[in-house]
Amino acid sequence: MSSTKKLATAILLLGLIMMVTGREEDNDPCIYEALYNNDVLLCKGLEVLYPEVGNISCVYVPDCSNYRQKITYWPEPIVKFRGALEDATYILIMVDPDAPSRSSPTSRFWRHWLVTDISGIDMKKGKIQGQELSSYQPPSPPAHTGFHRYQFFVYLQEGRTISLLSKENKTRGSWNMDKFLSRFHLSEPEASTQFLTQNYQDSSGLQSLGESGNEPKDKPKQK
């Protein structure tokens, strides 16, 4: 076979592969829809990986394979910050600023996870090992409250001893995250991200976004 014929055959095969792949993607019921508008502004350098669904940083939890129910009982995710300094120590915070709903967040910031003393080496690998001040609590948005943002922040600890006040330990809801950050002189996060999900009973596709398209006016202030 001449080189010209070989090239033509290769191009034809490549075209067929692309057509088949395109059809498979079109028929895939799991759509990983990216966040948009101001919700993407928080997506800076963090990966959040759960079983089955994979990395859901900066996307809506797919409305398929029962993922929106499964995430309510999956264990803590792998949170990976590839840009972490190996000789540094980090703090990880996970909050829901939309408790009980984004339209009326009277219990923001709901503290889902707080871990200190995470080594940079572990942070790069996604091993969240350290002092767990608030154990991991899975996302559990109440029914009929729309989409909730689940936000992750990583801060440099820089030798500080971090603790919660006794009143902060009494409840996870209505946590004054800004005061906590100010108390320990924590400034800009080194990395951050978020994903959105809603109660699985309310899921009927991402076309009825409701509050989820609103601007995140309750984002923690940056020092």
C-alpha atoms as a PDB file:
ATOM      1  CA  MET A   1       0.000   0.000   0.000  1.00  0.00           C
ATOM      2  CA  SER A   2       1.407   3.426  -0.947  1.00  0.00           C
ATOM      3  CA  SER A   3       2.094   6.074   1.676  1.00  0.00           C
ATOM      4  CA  THR A   4      -0.749   8.181   0.260  1.00  0.00           C
ATOM      5  CA  LYS A   5      -3.245   5.328   0.686  1.00  0.00           C
ATOM      6  CA  LYS A   6      -1.957   4.611   4.207  1.00  0.00           C
ATOM      7  CA  LEU A   7      -2.452   8.253   5.155  1.00  0.00           C
ATOM      8  CA  ALA A   8      -5.965   8.288   3.707  1.00  0.00           C
ATOM      9  CA  THR A   9      -6.853   5.096   5.580  1.00  0.00           C
ATOM     10  CA  ALA A  10      -5.512   6.518   8.855  1.00  0.00           C
ATOM     11  CA  ILE A  11      -7.558   9.704   8.432  1.00  0.00           C
ATOM     12  CA  LEU A  12     -10.687   7.676   7.692  1.00  0.00           C
ATOM     13  CA  LEU A  13     -10.196   5.503  10.797  1.00  0.00           C
ATOM     14  CA  LEU A  14      -9.582   8.574  12.953  1.00  0.00           C
ATOM     15  CA  GLY A  15     -12.792  10.121  11.647  1.00  0.00           C
ATOM     16  CA  LEU A  16     -14.787   6.991  12.457  1.00  0.00           C
ATOM     17  CA  ILE A  17     -13.338   6.863  15.988  1.00  0.00           C
ATOM     18  CA  MET A  18     -14.252  10.500  16.575  1.00  0.00           C
ATOM     19  CA  MET A  19     -17.791   9.912  15.312  1.00  0.00           C
ATOM     20  CA  VAL A  20     -18.287   6.883  17.589  1.00  0.00           C
ATOM     21  CA  THR A  21     -16.809   8.700  20.582  1.00  0.00           C
ATOM     22  CA  GLY A  22     -19.059  11.673  19.911  1.00  0.00           C
ATOM     23  CA  ARG A  23     -22.168   9.465  19.872  1.00  0.00           C
ATOM     24  CA  GLU A  24     -21.168   7.805  23.130  1.00  0.00           C
ATOM     25  CA  GLU A  25     -20.748  11.178  24.823  1.00  0.00           C
ATOM     26  CA  ASP A  26     -24.099  12.370  23.459  1.00  0.00           C
ATOM     27  CA  ASN A  27     -25.838   9.310  24.905  1.00  0.00           C
ATOM     28  CA  ASP A  28     -24.012   9.442  28.258  1.00  0.00           C
ATOM     29  CA  PRO A  29     -26.682  10.122  30.939  1.00  0.00           C
ATOM     30  CA  CYS A  30     -24.066  11.601  33.312  1.00  0.00           C
ATOM     31  CA  ILE A  31     -23.528  15.236  32.419  1.00  0.00           C
ATOM     32  CA  TYR A  32     -20.789  16.967  34.400  1.00  0.00           C
ATOM     33  CA  GLU A  33     -22.046  20.500  33.982  1.00  0.00           C
ATOM     34  CA  ALA A  34     -19.546  23.189  34.926  1.00  0.00           C
ATOM     35  CA  LEU A  35     -20.440  26.052  37.242  1.00  0.00           C
ATOM     36  CA  TYR A  36     -20.885  29.467  35.675  1.00  0.00           C
ATOM     37  CA  ASN A  37     -21.323  33.132  36.517  1.00  0.00           C
ATOM     38  CA  ASN A  38     -19.677  34.126  39.799  1.00  0.00           C
ATOM     39  CA  ASP A  39     -19.732  30.579  41.149  1.00  0.00           C
ATOM     40  CA  VAL A  40     -16.562  29.816  39.176  1.00  0.00           C
ATOM     41  CA  LEU A  41     -14.571  32.560  40.927  1.00  0.00           C
ATOM     42  CA  LEU A  42     -13.915  30.286  43.898  1.00  0.00           C
ATOM     43  CA  CYS A  43     -12.338  27.541  41.776  1.00  0.00           C
ATOM     44  CA  LYS A  44      -8.610  27.970  42.342  1.00  0.00           C
ATOM     45  CA  GLY A  45      -6.291  24.993  42.483  1.00  0.00           C
ATOM     46  CA  LEU A  46      -8.213  22.347  44.453  1.00  0.00           C
ATOM     47  CA  GLU A  47      -9.460  18.935  43.365  1.00  0.00           C
ATOM     48  CA  VAL A  48     -12.297  17.211  45.274  1.00  0.00           C
ATOM     49  CA  LEU A  49     -12.707  13.536  44.444  1.00  0.00           C
ATOM     50  CA  TYR A  50     -15.484  11.208  45.639  1.00  0.00           C
ATOM     51  CA  PRO A  51     -15.981   7.489  44.889  1.00  0.00           C
ATOM     52  CA  GLU A  52     -17.558   6.710  41.512  1.00  0.00           C
ATOM     53  CA  VAL A  53     -18.173  10.319  40.534  1.00  0.00           C
ATOM     54  CA  GLY A  54     -14.490  11.383  40.534  1.00  0.00           C
ATOM     55  CA  ASN A  55     -13.364  15.005  40.611  1.00  0.00           C
ATOM     56  CA  ILE A  56     -16.359  17.312  41.069  1.00  0.00           C
ATOM     57  CA  SER A  57     -14.462  20.518  41.673  1.00  0.00           C
ATOM     58  CA  CYS A  58     -16.318  23.430  40.058  1.00  0.00           C
ATOM     59  CA  VAL A  59     -19.228  21.341  38.719  1.00  0.00           C
ATOM     60  CA  TYR A  60     -22.777  20.326  39.639  1.00  0.00           C
ATOM     61  CA  VAL A  61     -22.978  16.828  41.103  1.00  0.00           C
ATOM     62  CA  PRO A  62     -24.400  14.882  38.137  1.00  0.00           C
ATOM     63  CA  ASP A  63     -28.084  14.047  38.223  1.00  0.00           C
ATOM     64  CA  CYS A  64     -27.510  10.379  37.344  1.00  0.00           C
ATOM     65  CA  SER A  65     -26.515   7.049  38.901  1.00  0.00           C
ATOM     66  CA  ASN A  66     -28.096   8.264  42.145  1.00  0.00           C
ATOM     67  CA  TYR A  67     -24.986  10.362  42.848  1.00  0.00           C
ATOM     68  CA  ARG A  68     -26.917  13.101  44.642  1.00  0.00           C
ATOM     69  CA  GLN A  69     -28.138  10.590  47.188  1.00  0.00           C
ATOM     70  CA  LYS A  70     -24.879   8.636  47.392  1.00  0.00           C
ATOM     71  CA  ILE A  71     -22.868  11.741  48.245  1.00  0.00           C
ATOM     72  CA  THR A  72     -24.917  12.100  51.438  1.00  0.00           C
ATOM     73  CA  TYR A  73     -23.337   8.944  52.867  1.00  0.00           C
ATOM     74  CA  TRP A  74     -19.994   8.625  51.086  1.00  0.00           C
ATOM     75  CA  PRO A  75     -16.948   9.101  53.347  1.00  0.00           C
ATOM     76  CA  GLU A  76     -14.811  12.218  53.169  1.00  0.00           C
ATOM     77  CA  PRO A  77     -13.443  13.052  49.724  1.00  0.00           C
ATOM     78  CA  ILE A  78      -9.856  13.202  48.569  1.00  0.00           C
ATOM     79  CA  VAL A  79      -8.973  16.895  48.585  1.00  0.00           C
ATOM     80  CA  LYS A  80      -5.821  17.496  46.592  1.00  0.00           C
ATOM     81  CA  PHE A  81      -3.791  20.700  46.369  1.00  0.00           C
ATOM     82  CA  ARG A  82      -1.016  19.995  43.900  1.00  0.00           C
ATOM     83  CA  GLY A  83       0.583  23.386  44.543  1.00  0.00           C
ATOM     84  CA  ALA A  84       1.136  22.746  48.264  1.00  0.00           C
ATOM     85  CA  LEU A  85       4.625  23.334  49.674  1.00  0.00           C
ATOM     86  CA  GLU A  86       5.993  20.086  51.069  1.00  0.00           C
ATOM     87  CA  ASP A  87       7.539  21.708  54.155  1.00  0.00           C
ATOM     88  CA  ALA A  88       4.436  23.772  54.990  1.00  0.00           C
ATOM     89  CA  THR A  89       1.390  22.998  57.139  1.00  0.00           C
ATOM     90  CA  TYR A  90      -2.190  23.630  56.048  1.00  0.00           C
ATOM     91  CA  ILE A  91      -5.750  24.056  57.300  1.00  0.00           C
ATOM     92  CA  LEU A  92      -8.731  22.668  55.386  1.00  0.00           C
ATOM     93  CA  ILE A  93     -12.224  24.119  55.794  1.00  0.00           C
ATOM     94  CA  MET A  94     -15.428  22.850  54.168  1.00  0.00           C
ATOM     95  CA  VAL A  95     -18.619  24.878  54.604  1.00  0.00           C
ATOM     96  CA  ASP A  96     -22.136  25.264  53.231  1.00  0.00           C
ATOM     97  CA  PRO A  97     -22.940  28.981  52.899  1.00  0.00           C
ATOM     98  CA  ASP A  98     -26.489  28.158  51.793  1.00  0.00           C
ATOM     99  CA  ALA A  99     -27.922  26.601  54.962  1.00  0.00           C
ATOM    100  CA  PRO A 100     -30.807  26.074  55.067  1.00  0.00           C
ATOM    101  CA  SER A 101     -31.284  27.570  51.568  1.00  0.00           C
ATOM    102  CA  ARG A 102     -29.457  29.924  49.271  1.00  0.00           C
ATOM    103  CA  SER A 103     -32.383  32.326  49.223  1.00  0.00           C
ATOM    104  CA  SER A 104     -32.498  32.442  53.042  1.00  0.00           C
ATOM    105  CA  PRO A 105     -29.110  31.341  54.457  1.00  0.00           C
ATOM    106  CA  THR A 106     -29.887  31.974  58.111  1.00  0.00           C
ATOM    107  CA  SER A 107     -27.544  29.183  59.284  1.00  0.00           C
ATOM    108  CA  ARG A 108     -24.522  29.988  57.121  1.00  0.00           C
ATOM    109  CA  PHE A 109     -21.710  29.004  57.285  1.00  0.00           C
ATOM    110  CA  TRP A 110     -22.545  25.405  58.153  1.00  0.00           C
ATOM    111  CA  ARG A 111     -19.230  23.798  59.105  1.00  0.00           C
ATOM    112  CA  HIS A 112     -18.912  20.410  57.410  1.00  0.00           C
ATOM    113  CA  TRP A 113     -15.222  19.750  57.985  1.00  0.00           C
ATOM    114  CA  LEU A 114     -12.293  21.433  59.693  1.00  0.00           C
ATOM    115  CA  VAL A 115      -8.824  19.883  59.772  1.00  0.00           C
ATOM    116  CA  THR A 116      -5.569  21.520  60.883  1.00  0.00           C
ATOM    117  CA  ASP A 117      -1.907  20.437  60.917  1.00  0.00           C
ATOM    118  CA  ILE A 118      -2.033  18.876  57.449  1.00  0.00           C
ATOM    119  CA  SER A 119       1.471  18.443  56.066  1.00  0.00           C
ATOM    120  CA  GLY A 120       2.242  19.843  52.650  1.00  0.00           C
ATOM    121  CA  ILE A 121       3.281  16.415  51.408  1.00  0.00           C
ATOM    122  CA  ASP A 122      -0.096  14.955  52.391  1.00  0.00           C
ATOM    123  CA  MET A 123      -1.930  17.959  50.947  1.00  0.00           C
ATOM    124  CA  LYS A 124      -0.254  17.411  47.572  1.00  0.00           C
ATOM    125  CA  LYS A 125      -1.326  13.754  47.617  1.00  0.00           C
ATOM    126  CA  GLY A 126      -4.860  14.422  48.820  1.00  0.00           C
ATOM    127  CA  LYS A 127      -4.370  12.706  52.192  1.00  0.00           C
ATOM    128  CA  ILE A 128      -6.236  14.844  54.699  1.00  0.00           C
ATOM    129  CA  GLN A 129      -4.450  13.763  57.864  1.00  0.00           C
ATOM    130  CA  GLY A 130      -4.091  16.098  60.817  1.00  0.00           C
ATOM    131  CA  GLN A 131      -6.011  17.457  63.784  1.00  0.00           C
ATOM    132  CA  GLU A 132      -9.711  17.081  63.003  1.00  0.00           C
ATOM    133  CA  LEU A 133     -11.506  19.864  64.855  1.00  0.00           C
ATOM    134  CA  SER A 134     -14.812  19.117  63.118  1.00  0.00           C
ATOM    135  CA  SER A 135     -15.256  15.636  61.720  1.00  0.00           C
ATOM    136  CA  TYR A 136     -16.470  15.273  58.166  1.00  0.00           C
ATOM    137  CA  GLN A 137     -20.211  15.660  57.657  1.00  0.00           C
ATOM    138  CA  PRO A 138     -21.475  14.758  54.157  1.00  0.00           C
ATOM    139  CA  PRO A 139     -23.492  17.225  52.083  1.00  0.00           C
ATOM    140  CA  SER A 140     -27.165  16.847  53.010  1.00  0.00           C
ATOM    141  CA  PRO A 141     -29.177  19.675  51.474  1.00  0.00           C
ATOM    142  CA  PRO A 142     -32.765  19.627  52.760  1.00  0.00           C
ATOM    143  CA  ALA A 143     -35.537  18.912  50.290  1.00  0.00           C
ATOM    144  CA  HIS A 144     -37.114  21.877  48.498  1.00  0.00           C
ATOM    145  CA  THR A 145     -34.201  24.243  49.268  1.00  0.00           C
ATOM    146  CA  GLY A 146     -32.595  24.340  45.828  1.00  0.00           C
ATOM    147  CA  PHE A 147     -28.929  23.933  45.069  1.00  0.00           C
ATOM    148  CA  HIS A 148     -26.358  24.350  47.835  1.00  0.00           C
ATOM    149  CA  ARG A 149     -22.726  25.308  47.404  1.00  0.00           C
ATOM    150  CA  TYR A 150     -20.189  23.153  49.234  1.00  0.00           C
ATOM    151  CA  GLN A 151     -17.043  25.212  49.525  1.00  0.00           C
ATOM    152  CA  PHE A 152     -13.481  24.140  50.335  1.00  0.00           C
ATOM    153  CA  PHE A 153     -10.692  26.467  51.479  1.00  0.00           C
ATOM    154  CA  VAL A 154      -7.038  25.673  52.170  1.00  0.00           C
ATOM    155  CA  TYR A 155      -4.999  28.083  54.301  1.00  0.00           C
ATOM    156  CA  LEU A 156      -1.340  28.158  55.321  1.00  0.00           C
ATOM    157  CA  GLN A 157      -1.146  27.412  59.038  1.00  0.00           C
ATOM    158  CA  GLU A 158       2.384  28.782  59.546  1.00  0.00           C
ATOM    159  CA  GLY A 159       2.917  27.358  63.040  1.00  0.00           C
ATOM    160  CA  ARG A 160      -0.318  28.693  64.493  1.00  0.00           C
ATOM    161  CA  THR A 161      -2.214  26.570  67.021  1.00  0.00           C
ATOM    162  CA  ILE A 162      -5.790  26.498  65.755  1.00  0.00           C
ATOM    163  CA  SER A 163      -8.800  25.732  67.936  1.00  0.00           C
ATOM    164  CA  LEU A 164     -12.529  26.295  68.123  1.00  0.00           C
ATOM    165  CA  LEU A 165     -14.181  28.220  70.931  1.00  0.00           C
ATOM    166  CA  SER A 166     -16.491  26.249  73.206  1.00  0.00           C
ATOM    167  CA  LYS A 167     -19.508  28.072  71.759  1.00  0.00           C
ATOM    168  CA  GLU A 168     -18.348  27.169  68.236  1.00  0.00           C
ATOM    169  CA  ASN A 169     -18.196  23.515  69.229  1.00  0.00           C
ATOM    170  CA  LYS A 170     -21.810  23.510  70.378  1.00  0.00           C
ATOM    171  CA  THR A 171     -23.191  23.718  66.862  1.00  0.00           C
ATOM    172  CA  ARG A 172     -21.968  23.582  63.285  1.00  0.00           C
ATOM    173  CA  GLY A 173     -24.581  25.993  61.956  1.00  0.00           C
ATOM    174  CA  SER A 174     -24.363  29.798  61.927  1.00  0.00           C
ATOM    175  CA  TRP A 175     -20.578  29.605  62.202  1.00  0.00           C
ATOM    176  CA  ASN A 176     -18.945  33.014  61.933  1.00  0.00           C
ATOM    177  CA  MET A 177     -16.187  31.965  59.585  1.00  0.00           C
ATOM    178  CA  ASP A 178     -14.904  35.512  59.116  1.00  0.00           C
ATOM    179  CA  LYS A 179     -14.323  35.921  62.856  1.00  0.00           C
ATOM    180  CA  PHE A 180     -12.559  32.559  62.952  1.00  0.00           C
ATOM    181  CA  LEU A 181     -10.231  33.619  60.123  1.00  0.00           C
ATOM    182  CA  SER A 182      -9.573  36.991  61.758  1.00  0.00           C
ATOM    183  CA  ARG A 183      -8.843  35.393  65.131  1.00  0.00           C
ATOM    184  CA  PHE A 184      -5.956  33.417  63.667  1.00  0.00           C
ATOM    185  CA  HIS A 185      -4.852  36.076  61.164  1.00  0.00           C
ATOM    186  CA  LEU A 186      -5.628  33.866  58.197  1.00  0.00           C
ATOM    187  CA  SER A 187      -5.652  35.884  55.011  1.00  0.00           C
ATOM    188  CA  GLU A 188      -6.159  34.752  51.415  1.00  0.00           C
ATOM    189  CA  PRO A 189      -6.682  31.002  50.983  1.00  0.00           C
ATOM    190  CA  GLU A 190      -3.900  29.225  49.140  1.00  0.00           C
ATOM    191  CA  ALA A 191      -6.517  27.322  47.155  1.00  0.00           C
ATOM    192  CA  SER A 192     -10.289  26.941  47.048  1.00  0.00           C
ATOM    193  CA  THR A 193     -13.128  25.368  45.128  1.00  0.00           C
ATOM    194  CA  GLN A 194     -16.756  24.332  45.387  1.00  0.00           C
ATOM    195  CA  PHE A 195     -19.376  22.055  43.912  1.00  0.00           C
ATOM    196  CA  LEU A 196     -23.150  22.341  43.863  1.00  0.00           C
ATOM    197  CA  THR A 197     -25.790  19.750  44.609  1.00  0.00           C
ATOM    198  CA  GLN A 198     -29.390  19.568  45.751  1.00  0.00           C
ATOM    199  CA  ASN A 199     -31.550  17.013  47.498  1.00  0.00           C
ATOM    200  CA  TYR A 200     -31.875  13.960  45.272  1.00  0.00           C
ATOM    201  CA  GLN A 201     -35.677  14.022  45.660  1.00  0.00           C
ATOM    202  CA  ASP A 202     -35.769  17.429  43.968  1.00  0.00           C
ATOM    203  CA  SER A 203     -33.496  16.538  41.068  1.00  0.00           C
ATOM    204  CA  SER A 204     -34.996  16.789  37.615  1.00  0.00           C
ATOM    205  CA  GLY A 205     -32.095  18.051  35.554  1.00  0.00           C
ATOM    206  CA  LEU A 206     -30.063  21.219  35.703  1.00  0.00           C
ATOM    207  CA  GLN A 207     -32.376  23.343  33.622  1.00  0.00           C
ATOM    208  CA  SER A 208     -34.356  24.556  36.657  1.00  0.00           C
ATOM    209  CA  LEU A 209     -31.382  26.108  38.429  1.00  0.00           C
ATOM    210  CA  GLY A 210     -33.357  28.570  40.524  1.00  0.00           C
ATOM    211  CA  GLU A 211     -31.143  30.086  43.216  1.00  0.00           C
ATOM    212  CA  SER A 212     -28.057  28.264  41.946  1.00  0.00           C
ATOM    213  CA  GLY A 213     -27.557  30.878  39.259  1.00  0.00           C
ATOM    214  CA  ASN A 214     -27.450  33.732  41.758  1.00  0.00           C
ATOM    215  CA  GLU A 215     -24.314  35.563  42.706  1.00  0.00           C
ATOM    216  CA  PRO A 216     -22.644  34.101  45.844  1.00  0.00           C
ATOM    217  CA  LYS A 217     -23.067  37.226  47.932  1.00  0.00           C
ATOM    218  CA  ASP A 218     -22.162  35.388  51.141  1.00  0.00           C
ATOM    219  CA  LYS A 219     -18.659  34.317  50.140  1.00  0.00           C
ATOM    220  CA  PRO A 220     -16.250  34.740  53.095  1.00  0.00           C
ATOM    221  CA  LYS A 221     -14.442  38.029  52.957  1.00  0.00           C
ATOM    222  CA  GLN A 222     -10.841  37.879  51.808  1.00  0.00           C
ATOM    223  CA  LYS A 223      -8.317  39.657  53.986  1.00  0.00           C
END
